[in-house]
Amino acid sequence: MKIIIHGGFFSESGQSHDIKIAKQNSLKNIAQKAFAYLQSHSAFDTVAYAVSLLEDDELYNAGTGSQIQSDGIIRMSAAIMNGSSQKMSGVINIENVKNPVFVAKELMKEDDKVLGGIGAKNYATEHGFENFSTEIPQRRKEYEEKLKNGGKGTVGCVAFDKEGKLAAATSTGGKGFEIPGRISDSATVAGNYANKFCAVSCTGVGEDIVSNATAAKIVTRVTDGMDLKKAFEKTFNELKEIDGFAGAIAIDQDGNIYHQDSYPTMVFASFDGENFKTFD
């Protein structure tokens, strides 16, 4: 059993050393909790649980800590994909929901698996998800001061369970100050993808990740027999061709864990019950 999570990118210029330590401690705690959960749950259930913990932590740009868009409203996106069934479900630009990843998971039961805007919110309300104000004072301060230091704060999880099954989940509060209606990569196969061979969750600039089809490319290459590390290297080399910015975490069918980013500040943590790794 293996698990890896990410909490977006860390900006040395925009965030303090104390925030860095806080994120390291937070990621370690969440990775350990998620791994304990994985002992008695599937990879699919575990990635949703892990991402919900990230959504609940104000340190990250997802759920409670989400960025504010240019019209002053918070809109979030999330997706989950089951590697065994190769089915993905998600929500795009949903408002006033504490854990978008759980709404995404609930949609896996439906024929219509990806909902956006008011339709996503109505579905959440109809299925008992409590109306919740996700705004925190720090995000309002950033909005009012027009501090555009977001865009790299997605959270995600990839898990490998005791049956060798894989799953991935990703959640984001967007890049902050974007045009209302913007679609991020998080609820698309470019940012969140899994099958029985590999599972990937991405973070970074959504437009770059979509243009590069990052997660889907990595998974497809591993499916076709390419080594996980080489699949990452080839995909990130293609990302460089468009001057793209991204980070990704993954686990393959053999339980190999890998991560890579365009600039070495992606915050992540992995745990396999014995070995714990986190960003420096």
C-alpha atoms as a PDB file:
ATOM      1  CA  MET A   1       0.000   0.000   0.000  1.00  0.00           C
ATOM      2  CA  LYS A   2       1.290   3.440  -0.947  1.00  0.00           C
ATOM      3  CA  ILE A   3       0.039   7.008  -0.834  1.00  0.00           C
ATOM      4  CA  ILE A   4       1.285  10.359  -2.123  1.00  0.00           C
ATOM      5  CA  ILE A   5      -0.349  13.763  -1.727  1.00  0.00           C
ATOM      6  CA  HIS A   6       0.412  17.263  -2.946  1.00  0.00           C
ATOM      7  CA  GLY A   7      -0.598  20.706  -1.793  1.00  0.00           C
ATOM      8  CA  GLY A   8       0.266  22.801  -4.800  1.00  0.00           C
ATOM      9  CA  PHE A   9       3.386  24.964  -5.013  1.00  0.00           C
ATOM     10  CA  PHE A  10       5.339  26.872  -2.391  1.00  0.00           C
ATOM     11  CA  SER A  11       6.540  30.363  -3.278  1.00  0.00           C
ATOM     12  CA  GLU A  12       9.754  31.282  -1.499  1.00  0.00           C
ATOM     13  CA  SER A  13       9.101  34.971  -2.177  1.00  0.00           C
ATOM     14  CA  GLY A  14       5.433  34.957  -1.257  1.00  0.00           C
ATOM     15  CA  GLN A  15       5.375  32.724   1.824  1.00  0.00           C
ATOM     16  CA  SER A  16       7.407  32.633   5.020  1.00  0.00           C
ATOM     17  CA  HIS A  17       9.625  29.955   6.508  1.00  0.00           C
ATOM     18  CA  ASP A  18       6.941  29.409   9.158  1.00  0.00           C
ATOM     19  CA  ILE A  19       4.383  28.616   6.440  1.00  0.00           C
ATOM     20  CA  LYS A  20       6.848  26.186   4.872  1.00  0.00           C
ATOM     21  CA  ILE A  21       7.258  24.325   8.176  1.00  0.00           C
ATOM     22  CA  ALA A  22       3.493  24.390   8.714  1.00  0.00           C
ATOM     23  CA  LYS A  23       2.916  22.822   5.306  1.00  0.00           C
ATOM     24  CA  GLN A  24       5.544  20.150   5.894  1.00  0.00           C
ATOM     25  CA  ASN A  25       3.920  19.211   9.200  1.00  0.00           C
ATOM     26  CA  SER A  26       0.428  19.341   7.717  1.00  0.00           C
ATOM     27  CA  LEU A  27       1.315  17.127   4.762  1.00  0.00           C
ATOM     28  CA  LYS A  28       3.047  14.594   6.990  1.00  0.00           C
ATOM     29  CA  ASN A  29       0.020  14.444   9.274  1.00  0.00           C
ATOM     30  CA  ILE A  30      -2.454  14.080   6.397  1.00  0.00           C
ATOM     31  CA  ALA A  31      -0.325  11.467   4.614  1.00  0.00           C
ATOM     32  CA  GLN A  32      -0.161   9.379   7.779  1.00  0.00           C
ATOM     33  CA  LYS A  33      -3.899   9.700   8.423  1.00  0.00           C
ATOM     34  CA  ALA A  34      -4.680   8.776   4.837  1.00  0.00           C
ATOM     35  CA  PHE A  35      -2.359   5.767   4.960  1.00  0.00           C
ATOM     36  CA  ALA A  36      -4.052   4.550   8.156  1.00  0.00           C
ATOM     37  CA  TYR A  37      -7.405   4.964   6.385  1.00  0.00           C
ATOM     38  CA  LEU A  38      -6.071   3.006   3.406  1.00  0.00           C
ATOM     39  CA  GLN A  39      -5.537  -0.042   5.635  1.00  0.00           C
ATOM     40  CA  SER A  40      -9.269  -0.743   5.636  1.00  0.00           C
ATOM     41  CA  HIS A  41     -10.513   1.156   2.582  1.00  0.00           C
ATOM     42  CA  SER A  42     -10.054   1.119  -1.164  1.00  0.00           C
ATOM     43  CA  ALA A  43      -7.749   3.450  -3.061  1.00  0.00           C
ATOM     44  CA  PHE A  44     -10.877   5.160  -4.420  1.00  0.00           C
ATOM     45  CA  ASP A  45     -12.288   5.902  -0.966  1.00  0.00           C
ATOM     46  CA  THR A  46      -8.878   6.892   0.364  1.00  0.00           C
ATOM     47  CA  VAL A  47      -8.050   9.547  -2.227  1.00  0.00           C
ATOM     48  CA  ALA A  48     -11.368  11.277  -1.513  1.00  0.00           C
ATOM     49  CA  TYR A  49     -10.681  11.151   2.222  1.00  0.00           C
ATOM     50  CA  ALA A  50      -7.140  12.501   1.841  1.00  0.00           C
ATOM     51  CA  VAL A  51      -8.200  15.345  -0.433  1.00  0.00           C
ATOM     52  CA  SER A  52     -11.018  16.275   1.969  1.00  0.00           C
ATOM     53  CA  LEU A  53      -8.399  16.717   4.713  1.00  0.00           C
ATOM     54  CA  LEU A  54      -6.412  18.993   2.403  1.00  0.00           C
ATOM     55  CA  GLU A  55      -9.601  20.915   1.568  1.00  0.00           C
ATOM     56  CA  ASP A  56     -10.219  21.435   5.294  1.00  0.00           C
ATOM     57  CA  ASP A  57      -6.777  22.968   5.874  1.00  0.00           C
ATOM     58  CA  GLU A  58      -6.597  26.729   5.281  1.00  0.00           C
ATOM     59  CA  LEU A  59      -2.966  26.405   4.198  1.00  0.00           C
ATOM     60  CA  TYR A  60      -4.032  25.124   0.786  1.00  0.00           C
ATOM     61  CA  ASN A  61      -5.906  26.613  -2.133  1.00  0.00           C
ATOM     62  CA  ALA A  62      -8.846  24.204  -2.104  1.00  0.00           C
ATOM     63  CA  GLY A  63     -12.029  23.923  -0.087  1.00  0.00           C
ATOM     64  CA  THR A  64     -11.770  26.189   2.955  1.00  0.00           C
ATOM     65  CA  GLY A  65      -8.611  27.939   1.733  1.00  0.00           C
ATOM     66  CA  SER A  66      -9.797  28.618  -1.815  1.00  0.00           C
ATOM     67  CA  GLN A  67      -8.778  31.710  -3.761  1.00  0.00           C
ATOM     68  CA  ILE A  68     -11.308  34.399  -4.698  1.00  0.00           C
ATOM     69  CA  GLN A  69     -12.167  35.102  -8.336  1.00  0.00           C
ATOM     70  CA  SER A  70     -12.187  38.535  -9.981  1.00  0.00           C
ATOM     71  CA  ASP A  71     -15.847  39.164  -9.126  1.00  0.00           C
ATOM     72  CA  GLY A  72     -15.302  38.443  -5.436  1.00  0.00           C
ATOM     73  CA  ILE A  73     -16.803  34.931  -5.455  1.00  0.00           C
ATOM     74  CA  ILE A  74     -15.144  31.628  -4.593  1.00  0.00           C
ATOM     75  CA  ARG A  75     -15.697  28.835  -7.100  1.00  0.00           C
ATOM     76  CA  MET A  76     -14.062  25.444  -6.722  1.00  0.00           C
ATOM     77  CA  SER A  77     -13.431  22.387  -8.881  1.00  0.00           C
ATOM     78  CA  ALA A  78     -12.623  18.789  -7.984  1.00  0.00           C
ATOM     79  CA  ALA A  79     -12.463  15.361  -9.584  1.00  0.00           C
ATOM     80  CA  ILE A  80     -11.916  11.747  -8.670  1.00  0.00           C
ATOM     81  CA  MET A  81     -11.030   8.802 -10.898  1.00  0.00           C
ATOM     82  CA  ASN A  82     -11.196   5.096 -10.149  1.00  0.00           C
ATOM     83  CA  GLY A  83      -8.369   3.278 -11.904  1.00  0.00           C
ATOM     84  CA  SER A  84     -10.204  -0.055 -11.863  1.00  0.00           C
ATOM     85  CA  SER A  85     -13.410   1.154 -13.508  1.00  0.00           C
ATOM     86  CA  GLN A  86     -11.586   3.886 -15.480  1.00  0.00           C
ATOM     87  CA  LYS A  87     -14.441   6.246 -14.651  1.00  0.00           C
ATOM     88  CA  MET A  88     -14.023   9.874 -13.592  1.00  0.00           C
ATOM     89  CA  SER A  89     -16.512  12.234 -11.967  1.00  0.00           C
ATOM     90  CA  GLY A  90     -16.189  15.849 -10.953  1.00  0.00           C
ATOM     91  CA  VAL A  91     -17.547  19.301 -10.241  1.00  0.00           C
ATOM     92  CA  ILE A  92     -16.507  22.542 -11.915  1.00  0.00           C
ATOM     93  CA  ASN A  93     -16.939  26.038 -10.434  1.00  0.00           C
ATOM     94  CA  ILE A  94     -19.091  24.879  -7.532  1.00  0.00           C
ATOM     95  CA  GLU A  95     -19.866  27.394  -4.778  1.00  0.00           C
ATOM     96  CA  ASN A  96     -20.463  27.172  -1.018  1.00  0.00           C
ATOM     97  CA  VAL A  97     -19.555  23.524  -0.472  1.00  0.00           C
ATOM     98  CA  LYS A  98     -17.025  22.528   2.182  1.00  0.00           C
ATOM     99  CA  ASN A  99     -15.626  19.477   0.378  1.00  0.00           C
ATOM    100  CA  PRO A 100     -16.049  19.529  -3.407  1.00  0.00           C
ATOM    101  CA  VAL A 101     -14.219  16.197  -3.646  1.00  0.00           C
ATOM    102  CA  PHE A 102     -17.073  14.446  -1.824  1.00  0.00           C
ATOM    103  CA  VAL A 103     -19.598  15.894  -4.284  1.00  0.00           C
ATOM    104  CA  ALA A 104     -17.361  14.649  -7.107  1.00  0.00           C
ATOM    105  CA  LYS A 105     -17.310  11.216  -5.490  1.00  0.00           C
ATOM    106  CA  GLU A 106     -21.103  11.168  -5.112  1.00  0.00           C
ATOM    107  CA  LEU A 107     -21.449  11.895  -8.836  1.00  0.00           C
ATOM    108  CA  MET A 108     -19.696   8.622  -9.641  1.00  0.00           C
ATOM    109  CA  LYS A 109     -23.099   6.995  -9.028  1.00  0.00           C
ATOM    110  CA  GLU A 110     -24.742   9.065 -11.758  1.00  0.00           C
ATOM    111  CA  ASP A 111     -24.907   8.794 -15.530  1.00  0.00           C
ATOM    112  CA  ASP A 112     -24.021  12.498 -15.705  1.00  0.00           C
ATOM    113  CA  LYS A 113     -20.689  12.445 -13.941  1.00  0.00           C
ATOM    114  CA  VAL A 114     -19.327  15.985 -14.338  1.00  0.00           C
ATOM    115  CA  LEU A 115     -21.453  18.981 -13.345  1.00  0.00           C
ATOM    116  CA  GLY A 116     -20.654  22.679 -13.328  1.00  0.00           C
ATOM    117  CA  GLY A 117     -21.822  25.900 -11.715  1.00  0.00           C
ATOM    118  CA  ILE A 118     -25.361  26.102 -10.363  1.00  0.00           C
ATOM    119  CA  GLY A 119     -26.102  22.557 -11.523  1.00  0.00           C
ATOM    120  CA  ALA A 120     -23.267  21.243  -9.374  1.00  0.00           C
ATOM    121  CA  LYS A 121     -24.437  23.296  -6.392  1.00  0.00           C
ATOM    122  CA  ASN A 122     -28.049  22.167  -6.792  1.00  0.00           C
ATOM    123  CA  TYR A 123     -26.922  18.542  -6.946  1.00  0.00           C
ATOM    124  CA  ALA A 124     -24.872  19.025  -3.771  1.00  0.00           C
ATOM    125  CA  THR A 125     -27.833  20.563  -1.953  1.00  0.00           C
ATOM    126  CA  GLU A 126     -30.204  17.829  -3.099  1.00  0.00           C
ATOM    127  CA  HIS A 127     -27.812  15.182  -1.822  1.00  0.00           C
ATOM    128  CA  GLY A 128     -27.405  16.640   1.643  1.00  0.00           C
ATOM    129  CA  PHE A 129     -24.169  18.584   1.318  1.00  0.00           C
ATOM    130  CA  GLU A 130     -24.397  21.504   3.733  1.00  0.00           C
ATOM    131  CA  ASN A 131     -24.186  25.061   2.482  1.00  0.00           C
ATOM    132  CA  PHE A 132     -20.801  26.316   3.662  1.00  0.00           C
ATOM    133  CA  SER A 133     -18.943  29.608   3.333  1.00  0.00           C
ATOM    134  CA  THR A 134     -15.400  28.725   2.304  1.00  0.00           C
ATOM    135  CA  GLU A 135     -13.946  32.217   2.570  1.00  0.00           C
ATOM    136  CA  ILE A 136     -11.169  32.949   5.085  1.00  0.00           C
ATOM    137  CA  PRO A 137      -9.882  36.450   5.995  1.00  0.00           C
ATOM    138  CA  GLN A 138      -6.480  35.932   4.395  1.00  0.00           C
ATOM    139  CA  ARG A 139      -8.018  35.207   0.993  1.00  0.00           C
ATOM    140  CA  ARG A 140     -10.192  38.337   1.250  1.00  0.00           C
ATOM    141  CA  LYS A 141      -7.106  40.387   2.139  1.00  0.00           C
ATOM    142  CA  GLU A 142      -5.260  39.003  -0.882  1.00  0.00           C
ATOM    143  CA  TYR A 143      -8.229  39.795  -3.072  1.00  0.00           C
ATOM    144  CA  GLU A 144      -8.603  43.339  -1.820  1.00  0.00           C
ATOM    145  CA  GLU A 145      -4.884  44.021  -2.208  1.00  0.00           C
ATOM    146  CA  LYS A 146      -4.887  42.282  -5.595  1.00  0.00           C
ATOM    147  CA  LEU A 147      -1.974  40.040  -4.672  1.00  0.00           C
ATOM    148  CA  LYS A 148      -1.746  37.755  -7.656  1.00  0.00           C
ATOM    149  CA  ASN A 149       0.379  35.050  -6.134  1.00  0.00           C
ATOM    150  CA  GLY A 150      -2.026  32.161  -6.678  1.00  0.00           C
ATOM    151  CA  GLY A 151      -2.525  29.848  -9.657  1.00  0.00           C
ATOM    152  CA  LYS A 152      -0.346  27.070  -8.321  1.00  0.00           C
ATOM    153  CA  GLY A 153      -2.319  25.811  -5.331  1.00  0.00           C
ATOM    154  CA  THR A 154      -4.246  22.697  -6.316  1.00  0.00           C
ATOM    155  CA  VAL A 155      -4.298  19.716  -3.917  1.00  0.00           C
ATOM    156  CA  GLY A 156      -4.397  16.045  -4.805  1.00  0.00           C
ATOM    157  CA  CYS A 157      -3.834  12.440  -3.812  1.00  0.00           C
ATOM    158  CA  VAL A 158      -2.880   9.175  -5.504  1.00  0.00           C
ATOM    159  CA  ALA A 159      -3.301   5.848  -3.683  1.00  0.00           C
ATOM    160  CA  PHE A 160      -2.345   2.207  -4.252  1.00  0.00           C
ATOM    161  CA  ASP A 161      -4.363  -0.195  -2.101  1.00  0.00           C
ATOM    162  CA  LYS A 162      -3.799  -3.723  -0.791  1.00  0.00           C
ATOM    163  CA  GLU A 163      -5.475  -5.181  -3.880  1.00  0.00           C
ATOM    164  CA  GLY A 164      -3.141  -3.271  -6.162  1.00  0.00           C
ATOM    165  CA  LYS A 165      -5.886  -0.886  -7.291  1.00  0.00           C
ATOM    166  CA  LEU A 166      -5.173   2.745  -8.088  1.00  0.00           C
ATOM    167  CA  ALA A 167      -7.142   5.986  -7.806  1.00  0.00           C
ATOM    168  CA  ALA A 168      -6.527   9.726  -8.013  1.00  0.00           C
ATOM    169  CA  ALA A 169      -8.378  12.795  -6.741  1.00  0.00           C
ATOM    170  CA  THR A 170      -7.687  16.498  -7.241  1.00  0.00           C
ATOM    171  CA  SER A 171      -9.280  19.687  -5.873  1.00  0.00           C
ATOM    172  CA  THR A 172      -8.672  23.402  -6.393  1.00  0.00           C
ATOM    173  CA  GLY A 173      -9.914  26.848  -5.538  1.00  0.00           C
ATOM    174  CA  GLY A 174      -8.637  28.149  -8.871  1.00  0.00           C
ATOM    175  CA  LYS A 175      -5.804  30.567  -9.529  1.00  0.00           C
ATOM    176  CA  GLY A 176      -7.390  33.615  -7.919  1.00  0.00           C
ATOM    177  CA  PHE A 177      -8.648  36.758  -9.679  1.00  0.00           C
ATOM    178  CA  GLU A 178      -9.564  34.742 -12.782  1.00  0.00           C
ATOM    179  CA  ILE A 179     -12.410  35.605 -15.161  1.00  0.00           C
ATOM    180  CA  PRO A 180     -15.609  33.992 -13.793  1.00  0.00           C
ATOM    181  CA  GLY A 181     -16.338  30.861 -15.782  1.00  0.00           C
ATOM    182  CA  ARG A 182     -12.702  29.867 -16.242  1.00  0.00           C
ATOM    183  CA  ILE A 183     -12.224  26.081 -16.320  1.00  0.00           C
ATOM    184  CA  SER A 184      -9.163  24.680 -14.539  1.00  0.00           C
ATOM    185  CA  ASP A 185      -7.445  21.384 -15.308  1.00  0.00           C
ATOM    186  CA  SER A 186      -8.457  19.736 -12.036  1.00  0.00           C
ATOM    187  CA  ALA A 187     -11.768  18.271 -13.199  1.00  0.00           C
ATOM    188  CA  THR A 188     -10.378  17.181 -16.567  1.00  0.00           C
ATOM    189  CA  VAL A 189      -8.294  14.185 -17.664  1.00  0.00           C
ATOM    190  CA  ALA A 190      -5.375  16.574 -18.157  1.00  0.00           C
ATOM    191  CA  GLY A 191      -5.132  17.205 -14.429  1.00  0.00           C
ATOM    192  CA  ASN A 192      -6.529  14.009 -12.907  1.00  0.00           C
ATOM    193  CA  TYR A 193      -6.325  10.582 -14.546  1.00  0.00           C
ATOM    194  CA  ALA A 194      -6.081   6.927 -13.532  1.00  0.00           C
ATOM    195  CA  ASN A 195      -6.407   3.401 -14.875  1.00  0.00           C
ATOM    196  CA  LYS A 196      -5.163   0.022 -13.662  1.00  0.00           C
ATOM    197  CA  PHE A 197      -1.608   0.826 -14.777  1.00  0.00           C
ATOM    198  CA  CYS A 198      -1.047   4.289 -13.322  1.00  0.00           C
ATOM    199  CA  ALA A 199      -2.722   7.194 -11.505  1.00  0.00           C
ATOM    200  CA  VAL A 200      -1.725  10.874 -11.661  1.00  0.00           C
ATOM    201  CA  SER A 201      -2.773  14.145 -10.007  1.00  0.00           C
ATOM    202  CA  CYS A 202      -1.429  17.499 -11.236  1.00  0.00           C
ATOM    203  CA  THR A 203      -0.963  21.025  -9.947  1.00  0.00           C
ATOM    204  CA  GLY A 204       0.328  24.234 -11.522  1.00  0.00           C
ATOM    205  CA  VAL A 205      -0.986  26.502 -14.247  1.00  0.00           C
ATOM    206  CA  GLY A 206      -4.211  24.881 -15.414  1.00  0.00           C
ATOM    207  CA  GLU A 207      -4.017  26.235 -18.950  1.00  0.00           C
ATOM    208  CA  ASP A 208      -0.549  24.719 -19.392  1.00  0.00           C
ATOM    209  CA  ILE A 209      -1.616  21.366 -17.961  1.00  0.00           C
ATOM    210  CA  VAL A 210      -4.633  21.221 -20.290  1.00  0.00           C
ATOM    211  CA  SER A 211      -2.587  22.232 -23.324  1.00  0.00           C
ATOM    212  CA  ASN A 212      -0.082  19.498 -22.537  1.00  0.00           C
ATOM    213  CA  ALA A 213      -2.704  16.894 -21.480  1.00  0.00           C
ATOM    214  CA  THR A 214      -0.236  16.121 -18.703  1.00  0.00           C
ATOM    215  CA  ALA A 215      -1.946  13.470 -16.546  1.00  0.00           C
ATOM    216  CA  ALA A 216      -3.494  11.609 -19.480  1.00  0.00           C
ATOM    217  CA  LYS A 217      -0.162  11.539 -21.334  1.00  0.00           C
ATOM    218  CA  ILE A 218       1.732  10.105 -18.384  1.00  0.00           C
ATOM    219  CA  VAL A 219      -0.856   7.406 -17.718  1.00  0.00           C
ATOM    220  CA  THR A 220      -1.143   6.503 -21.405  1.00  0.00           C
ATOM    221  CA  ARG A 221       2.620   6.161 -21.754  1.00  0.00           C
ATOM    222  CA  VAL A 222       2.864   3.920 -18.694  1.00  0.00           C
ATOM    223  CA  THR A 223      -0.064   1.870 -20.053  1.00  0.00           C
ATOM    224  CA  ASP A 224       1.846   1.431 -23.319  1.00  0.00           C
ATOM    225  CA  GLY A 225       4.846   0.028 -21.435  1.00  0.00           C
ATOM    226  CA  MET A 226       6.983   3.070 -20.726  1.00  0.00           C
ATOM    227  CA  ASP A 227       8.781   3.301 -17.383  1.00  0.00           C
ATOM    228  CA  LEU A 228       7.059   5.736 -14.984  1.00  0.00           C
ATOM    229  CA  LYS A 229      10.113   7.990 -14.677  1.00  0.00           C
ATOM    230  CA  LYS A 230      10.599   8.098 -18.440  1.00  0.00           C
ATOM    231  CA  ALA A 231       6.894   8.827 -18.959  1.00  0.00           C
ATOM    232  CA  PHE A 232       7.273  11.830 -16.650  1.00  0.00           C
ATOM    233  CA  GLU A 233      10.456  13.013 -18.320  1.00  0.00           C
ATOM    234  CA  LYS A 234       8.981  12.858 -21.824  1.00  0.00           C
ATOM    235  CA  THR A 235       5.774  14.591 -20.775  1.00  0.00           C
ATOM    236  CA  PHE A 236       7.566  17.359 -18.877  1.00  0.00           C
ATOM    237  CA  ASN A 237       9.952  17.898 -21.782  1.00  0.00           C
ATOM    238  CA  GLU A 238       6.889  18.491 -23.949  1.00  0.00           C
ATOM    239  CA  LEU A 239       5.597  20.890 -21.310  1.00  0.00           C
ATOM    240  CA  LYS A 240       8.830  22.890 -21.639  1.00  0.00           C
ATOM    241  CA  GLU A 241       8.131  23.332 -25.346  1.00  0.00           C
ATOM    242  CA  ILE A 242       5.139  25.525 -24.462  1.00  0.00           C
ATOM    243  CA  ASP A 243       6.952  27.123 -21.510  1.00  0.00           C
ATOM    244  CA  GLY A 244       4.496  25.375 -19.238  1.00  0.00           C
ATOM    245  CA  PHE A 245       4.451  25.210 -15.446  1.00  0.00           C
ATOM    246  CA  ALA A 246       3.205  22.108 -13.644  1.00  0.00           C
ATOM    247  CA  GLY A 247       3.853  19.497 -11.021  1.00  0.00           C
ATOM    248  CA  ALA A 248       2.529  15.948 -10.808  1.00  0.00           C
ATOM    249  CA  ILE A 249       2.418  12.986  -8.444  1.00  0.00           C
ATOM    250  CA  ALA A 250       1.889   9.360  -9.496  1.00  0.00           C
ATOM    251  CA  ILE A 251       1.915   5.698  -8.538  1.00  0.00           C
ATOM    252  CA  ASP A 252       2.104   2.863 -11.076  1.00  0.00           C
ATOM    253  CA  GLN A 253       0.735  -0.697 -11.008  1.00  0.00           C
ATOM    254  CA  ASP A 254       3.923  -1.975  -9.346  1.00  0.00           C
ATOM    255  CA  GLY A 255       3.620   0.509  -6.502  1.00  0.00           C
ATOM    256  CA  ASN A 256       6.383   2.799  -7.747  1.00  0.00           C
ATOM    257  CA  ILE A 257       5.921   6.374  -6.564  1.00  0.00           C
ATOM    258  CA  TYR A 258       7.153   9.323  -8.605  1.00  0.00           C
ATOM    259  CA  HIS A 259       6.803  13.093  -8.692  1.00  0.00           C
ATOM    260  CA  GLN A 260       8.203  15.905 -10.812  1.00  0.00           C
ATOM    261  CA  ASP A 261       7.706  19.628 -11.197  1.00  0.00           C
ATOM    262  CA  SER A 262       8.736  22.438 -13.497  1.00  0.00           C
ATOM    263  CA  TYR A 263      10.295  24.321 -10.617  1.00  0.00           C
ATOM    264  CA  PRO A 264      11.308  22.519  -7.405  1.00  0.00           C
ATOM    265  CA  THR A 265       8.770  23.991  -5.015  1.00  0.00           C
ATOM    266  CA  MET A 266       5.802  21.608  -5.265  1.00  0.00           C
ATOM    267  CA  VAL A 267       4.764  20.646  -1.756  1.00  0.00           C
ATOM    268  CA  PHE A 268       4.165  16.918  -1.415  1.00  0.00           C
ATOM    269  CA  ALA A 269       4.397  13.981   0.956  1.00  0.00           C
ATOM    270  CA  SER A 270       4.456  10.225   0.385  1.00  0.00           C
ATOM    271  CA  PHE A 271       4.154   7.327   2.815  1.00  0.00           C
ATOM    272  CA  ASP A 272       4.238   3.545   2.491  1.00  0.00           C
ATOM    273  CA  GLY A 273       3.987   2.586   6.130  1.00  0.00           C
ATOM    274  CA  GLU A 274       7.747   2.739   6.652  1.00  0.00           C
ATOM    275  CA  ASN A 275       9.262   5.458   4.499  1.00  0.00           C
ATOM    276  CA  PHE A 276       8.026   9.036   4.652  1.00  0.00           C
ATOM    277  CA  LYS A 277       9.165  11.685   2.177  1.00  0.00           C
ATOM    278  CA  THR A 278       8.278  15.352   1.896  1.00  0.00           C
ATOM    279  CA  PHE A 279       9.430  18.448   0.049  1.00  0.00           C
ATOM    280  CA  ASP A 280      12.565  20.242   1.266  1.00  0.00           C
END
